[in-house]
Amino acid sequence: MSAGIVHFFFVGAFLFAAGAFLVARRRSYGAALAGVPLVFGGAALDLAANSRFAASAQDQVAGQEFAIVVAAFTFAYFALGAMLARLEIPR
């Protein structure tokens, strides 16, 4: 049995929902920004799966290219969250 598009959409929706829950639930900026990579990861997974299983096979790598760009932004947000979490630690 191979994984279909529905499986990818469920995993992407779970990642997106978990990230949105973390962003909404945390009170500090550093902890809230920790959920942003999950949101972007779920969106990138859905876009890559959509391009992989698209009915029109004209541009199959469009979703994968966008997923790489989203991964770069996710790394930048993760670095920002780590910096803010470091600044919130009392000395």
N, C-alpha and C. Protein backbone atom coordinates (compact mmCIF):
# COMPACT_ATOMS: atom_id res chain seq x y z
N MET A 1 0.84 -1.18 0.00
CA MET A 1 0.00 0.00 0.00
C MET A 1 0.88 1.24 0.00
N SER A 2 0.62 2.13 -0.90
CA SER A 2 1.39 3.37 -0.97
C SER A 2 0.58 4.53 -0.38
N ALA A 3 1.30 5.55 0.02
CA ALA A 3 0.66 6.72 0.62
C ALA A 3 0.05 7.58 -0.49
N GLY A 4 -1.20 7.91 -0.33
CA GLY A 4 -1.89 8.76 -1.30
C GLY A 4 -1.90 10.21 -0.85
N ILE A 5 -2.56 11.03 -1.62
CA ILE A 5 -2.58 12.46 -1.33
C ILE A 5 -3.35 12.75 -0.04
N VAL A 6 -4.34 11.92 0.27
CA VAL A 6 -5.13 12.14 1.49
C VAL A 6 -4.25 11.96 2.73
N HIS A 7 -3.35 10.99 2.68
CA HIS A 7 -2.45 10.77 3.81
C HIS A 7 -1.56 12.00 4.04
N PHE A 8 -1.04 12.55 2.96
CA PHE A 8 -0.20 13.73 3.08
C PHE A 8 -0.99 14.93 3.60
N PHE A 9 -2.22 15.08 3.14
CA PHE A 9 -3.04 16.19 3.61
C PHE A 9 -3.37 16.06 5.09
N PHE A 10 -3.62 14.85 5.57
CA PHE A 10 -3.90 14.67 6.99
C PHE A 10 -2.67 14.99 7.84
N VAL A 11 -1.49 14.57 7.42
CA VAL A 11 -0.27 14.88 8.17
C VAL A 11 0.01 16.38 8.13
N GLY A 12 -0.17 17.00 6.97
CA GLY A 12 0.02 18.45 6.87
C GLY A 12 -0.98 19.22 7.72
N ALA A 13 -2.23 18.77 7.75
CA ALA A 13 -3.23 19.44 8.57
C ALA A 13 -2.92 19.27 10.06
N PHE A 14 -2.41 18.10 10.44
CA PHE A 14 -2.03 17.89 11.84
C PHE A 14 -0.88 18.81 12.23
N LEU A 15 0.14 18.92 11.37
CA LEU A 15 1.26 19.81 11.66
C LEU A 15 0.80 21.27 11.76
N PHE A 16 -0.05 21.66 10.83
CA PHE A 16 -0.56 23.04 10.84
C PHE A 16 -1.37 23.31 12.11
N ALA A 17 -2.24 22.39 12.48
CA ALA A 17 -3.08 22.58 13.67
C ALA A 17 -2.24 22.58 14.95
N ALA A 18 -1.24 21.70 15.02
CA ALA A 18 -0.37 21.68 16.20
C ALA A 18 0.41 22.98 16.32
N GLY A 19 0.91 23.50 15.22
CA GLY A 19 1.62 24.77 15.25
C GLY A 19 0.72 25.94 15.62
N ALA A 20 -0.49 25.95 15.08
CA ALA A 20 -1.44 27.02 15.41
C ALA A 20 -1.83 26.96 16.88
N PHE A 21 -1.96 25.75 17.42
CA PHE A 21 -2.28 25.61 18.84
C PHE A 21 -1.13 26.13 19.70
N LEU A 22 0.11 25.83 19.31
CA LEU A 22 1.26 26.33 20.07
C LEU A 22 1.35 27.84 20.02
N VAL A 23 1.10 28.42 18.87
CA VAL A 23 1.16 29.88 18.74
C VAL A 23 0.07 30.54 19.59
N ALA A 24 -1.12 29.97 19.59
CA ALA A 24 -2.23 30.57 20.33
C ALA A 24 -2.13 30.32 21.83
N ARG A 25 -1.52 29.23 22.24
CA ARG A 25 -1.52 28.85 23.64
C ARG A 25 -0.39 29.48 24.46
N ARG A 26 0.75 29.70 23.86
CA ARG A 26 1.91 30.20 24.61
C ARG A 26 1.80 31.69 24.87
N ARG A 27 2.32 32.11 26.00
CA ARG A 27 2.22 33.52 26.37
C ARG A 27 3.47 34.31 26.00
N SER A 28 4.62 33.67 26.01
CA SER A 28 5.85 34.40 25.68
C SER A 28 6.08 34.36 24.17
N TYR A 29 6.77 35.37 23.66
CA TYR A 29 7.02 35.45 22.22
C TYR A 29 7.91 34.32 21.73
N GLY A 30 8.91 33.98 22.49
CA GLY A 30 9.83 32.92 22.08
C GLY A 30 9.14 31.57 21.98
N ALA A 31 8.29 31.26 22.93
CA ALA A 31 7.57 29.99 22.90
C ALA A 31 6.50 30.00 21.81
N ALA A 32 5.88 31.15 21.59
CA ALA A 32 4.87 31.22 20.53
C ALA A 32 5.50 31.07 19.16
N LEU A 33 6.69 31.62 18.97
CA LEU A 33 7.36 31.49 17.68
C LEU A 33 7.87 30.07 17.44
N ALA A 34 7.90 29.25 18.47
CA ALA A 34 8.30 27.85 18.28
C ALA A 34 7.27 27.08 17.47
N GLY A 35 6.01 27.53 17.47
CA GLY A 35 4.98 26.85 16.70
C GLY A 35 4.92 27.26 15.24
N VAL A 36 5.57 28.36 14.88
CA VAL A 36 5.54 28.85 13.50
C VAL A 36 6.19 27.86 12.52
N PRO A 37 7.32 27.23 12.86
CA PRO A 37 7.86 26.24 11.92
C PRO A 37 6.93 25.07 11.66
N LEU A 38 6.12 24.69 12.65
CA LEU A 38 5.15 23.62 12.41
C LEU A 38 4.07 24.06 11.44
N VAL A 39 3.63 25.30 11.57
CA VAL A 39 2.62 25.83 10.64
C VAL A 39 3.17 25.84 9.22
N PHE A 40 4.39 26.36 9.07
CA PHE A 40 5.01 26.41 7.74
C PHE A 40 5.31 25.02 7.21
N GLY A 41 5.71 24.11 8.09
CA GLY A 41 5.99 22.74 7.65
C GLY A 41 4.75 22.03 7.13
N GLY A 42 3.62 22.23 7.82
CA GLY A 42 2.37 21.65 7.34
C GLY A 42 1.93 22.22 6.01
N ALA A 43 2.09 23.53 5.85
CA ALA A 43 1.72 24.16 4.59
C ALA A 43 2.64 23.70 3.46
N ALA A 44 3.93 23.60 3.73
CA ALA A 44 4.87 23.16 2.71
C ALA A 44 4.62 21.71 2.32
N LEU A 45 4.29 20.87 3.29
CA LEU A 45 3.99 19.47 2.98
C LEU A 45 2.76 19.36 2.09
N ASP A 46 1.74 20.13 2.38
CA ASP A 46 0.53 20.11 1.55
C ASP A 46 0.81 20.62 0.14
N LEU A 47 1.61 21.66 0.01
CA LEU A 47 1.93 22.19 -1.31
C LEU A 47 2.76 21.20 -2.13
N ALA A 48 3.73 20.56 -1.49
CA ALA A 48 4.55 19.57 -2.20
C ALA A 48 3.72 18.35 -2.59
N ALA A 49 2.81 17.91 -1.72
CA ALA A 49 1.95 16.77 -2.05
C ALA A 49 0.99 17.13 -3.18
N ASN A 50 0.48 18.35 -3.15
CA ASN A 50 -0.43 18.78 -4.21
C ASN A 50 0.27 18.81 -5.56
N SER A 51 1.52 19.27 -5.58
CA SER A 51 2.23 19.29 -6.86
C SER A 51 2.61 17.88 -7.30
N ARG A 52 2.84 16.99 -6.36
CA ARG A 52 3.22 15.61 -6.71
C ARG A 52 2.05 14.86 -7.31
N PHE A 53 0.87 15.05 -6.77
CA PHE A 53 -0.30 14.31 -7.22
C PHE A 53 -1.22 15.15 -8.10
N ALA A 54 -0.72 16.23 -8.68
CA ALA A 54 -1.55 17.11 -9.49
C ALA A 54 -2.01 16.39 -10.76
N ALA A 55 -3.22 16.75 -11.19
CA ALA A 55 -3.77 16.12 -12.40
C ALA A 55 -3.02 16.58 -13.64
N SER A 56 -2.67 17.84 -13.69
CA SER A 56 -1.91 18.33 -14.83
C SER A 56 -0.43 18.21 -14.51
N ALA A 57 0.29 17.53 -15.34
CA ALA A 57 1.70 17.25 -15.08
C ALA A 57 2.62 18.21 -15.82
N GLN A 58 2.23 19.47 -15.92
CA GLN A 58 3.04 20.43 -16.66
C GLN A 58 4.23 20.92 -15.84
N ASP A 59 4.01 21.25 -14.59
CA ASP A 59 5.10 21.74 -13.73
C ASP A 59 5.05 20.99 -12.41
N GLN A 60 5.74 19.88 -12.35
CA GLN A 60 5.65 19.01 -11.18
C GLN A 60 6.50 19.48 -10.01
N VAL A 61 7.45 20.35 -10.23
CA VAL A 61 8.32 20.77 -9.14
C VAL A 61 7.93 22.12 -8.54
N ALA A 62 6.82 22.69 -8.93
CA ALA A 62 6.44 24.01 -8.41
C ALA A 62 6.19 23.97 -6.91
N GLY A 63 5.52 22.99 -6.43
CA GLY A 63 5.27 22.87 -5.00
C GLY A 63 6.53 22.56 -4.22
N GLN A 64 7.44 21.80 -4.82
CA GLN A 64 8.68 21.46 -4.14
C GLN A 64 9.60 22.67 -4.04
N GLU A 65 9.62 23.49 -5.07
CA GLU A 65 10.41 24.72 -5.02
C GLU A 65 9.88 25.65 -3.93
N PHE A 66 8.57 25.77 -3.85
CA PHE A 66 7.97 26.62 -2.83
C PHE A 66 8.23 26.05 -1.44
N ALA A 67 8.25 24.74 -1.31
CA ALA A 67 8.53 24.11 -0.02
C ALA A 67 9.95 24.43 0.44
N ILE A 68 10.90 24.51 -0.48
CA ILE A 68 12.27 24.87 -0.11
C ILE A 68 12.33 26.32 0.36
N VAL A 69 11.61 27.21 -0.31
CA VAL A 69 11.56 28.61 0.12
C VAL A 69 10.91 28.73 1.49
N VAL A 70 9.84 27.97 1.73
CA VAL A 70 9.18 27.98 3.03
C VAL A 70 10.11 27.43 4.10
N ALA A 71 10.92 26.43 3.78
CA ALA A 71 11.88 25.89 4.74
C ALA A 71 12.92 26.94 5.12
N ALA A 72 13.33 27.76 4.16
CA ALA A 72 14.29 28.83 4.47
C ALA A 72 13.66 29.87 5.40
N PHE A 73 12.41 30.26 5.14
CA PHE A 73 11.73 31.18 6.04
C PHE A 73 11.50 30.56 7.41
N THR A 74 11.23 29.28 7.45
CA THR A 74 11.04 28.59 8.72
C THR A 74 12.32 28.63 9.54
N PHE A 75 13.46 28.44 8.89
CA PHE A 75 14.72 28.52 9.61
C PHE A 75 14.95 29.92 10.17
N ALA A 76 14.58 30.94 9.40
CA ALA A 76 14.73 32.31 9.87
C ALA A 76 13.83 32.58 11.08
N TYR A 77 12.59 32.11 11.03
CA TYR A 77 11.69 32.29 12.17
C TYR A 77 12.17 31.51 13.38
N PHE A 78 12.74 30.33 13.17
CA PHE A 78 13.27 29.55 14.28
C PHE A 78 14.44 30.28 14.94
N ALA A 79 15.30 30.89 14.13
CA ALA A 79 16.42 31.65 14.69
C ALA A 79 15.90 32.87 15.46
N LEU A 80 14.88 33.53 14.95
CA LEU A 80 14.29 34.66 15.66
C LEU A 80 13.68 34.22 16.98
N GLY A 81 12.98 33.10 16.98
CA GLY A 81 12.39 32.58 18.21
C GLY A 81 13.44 32.19 19.23
N ALA A 82 14.54 31.60 18.78
CA ALA A 82 15.63 31.25 19.70
C ALA A 82 16.25 32.51 20.30
N MET A 83 16.39 33.56 19.49
CA MET A 83 16.94 34.81 20.00
C MET A 83 16.00 35.43 21.04
N LEU A 84 14.71 35.45 20.75
CA LEU A 84 13.75 36.03 21.70
C LEU A 84 13.67 35.20 22.98
N ALA A 85 13.76 33.89 22.86
CA ALA A 85 13.73 33.06 24.06
C ALA A 85 14.97 33.30 24.90
N ARG A 86 16.09 33.57 24.27
CA ARG A 86 17.32 33.88 25.01
C ARG A 86 17.21 35.22 25.69
N LEU A 87 16.55 36.18 25.08
CA LEU A 87 16.41 37.50 25.69
C LEU A 87 15.43 37.50 26.86
N GLU A 88 14.49 36.56 26.88
CA GLU A 88 13.48 36.53 27.95
C GLU A 88 13.97 35.86 29.21
N ILE A 89 15.12 35.21 29.18
CA ILE A 89 15.64 34.52 30.36
C ILE A 89 16.17 35.58 31.33
N PRO A 90 15.63 35.59 32.56
CA PRO A 90 16.13 36.58 33.53
C PRO A 90 17.54 36.22 34.01
N ARG A 91 18.32 37.22 34.27
CA ARG A 91 19.71 37.00 34.74
C ARG A 91 19.83 37.32 36.18
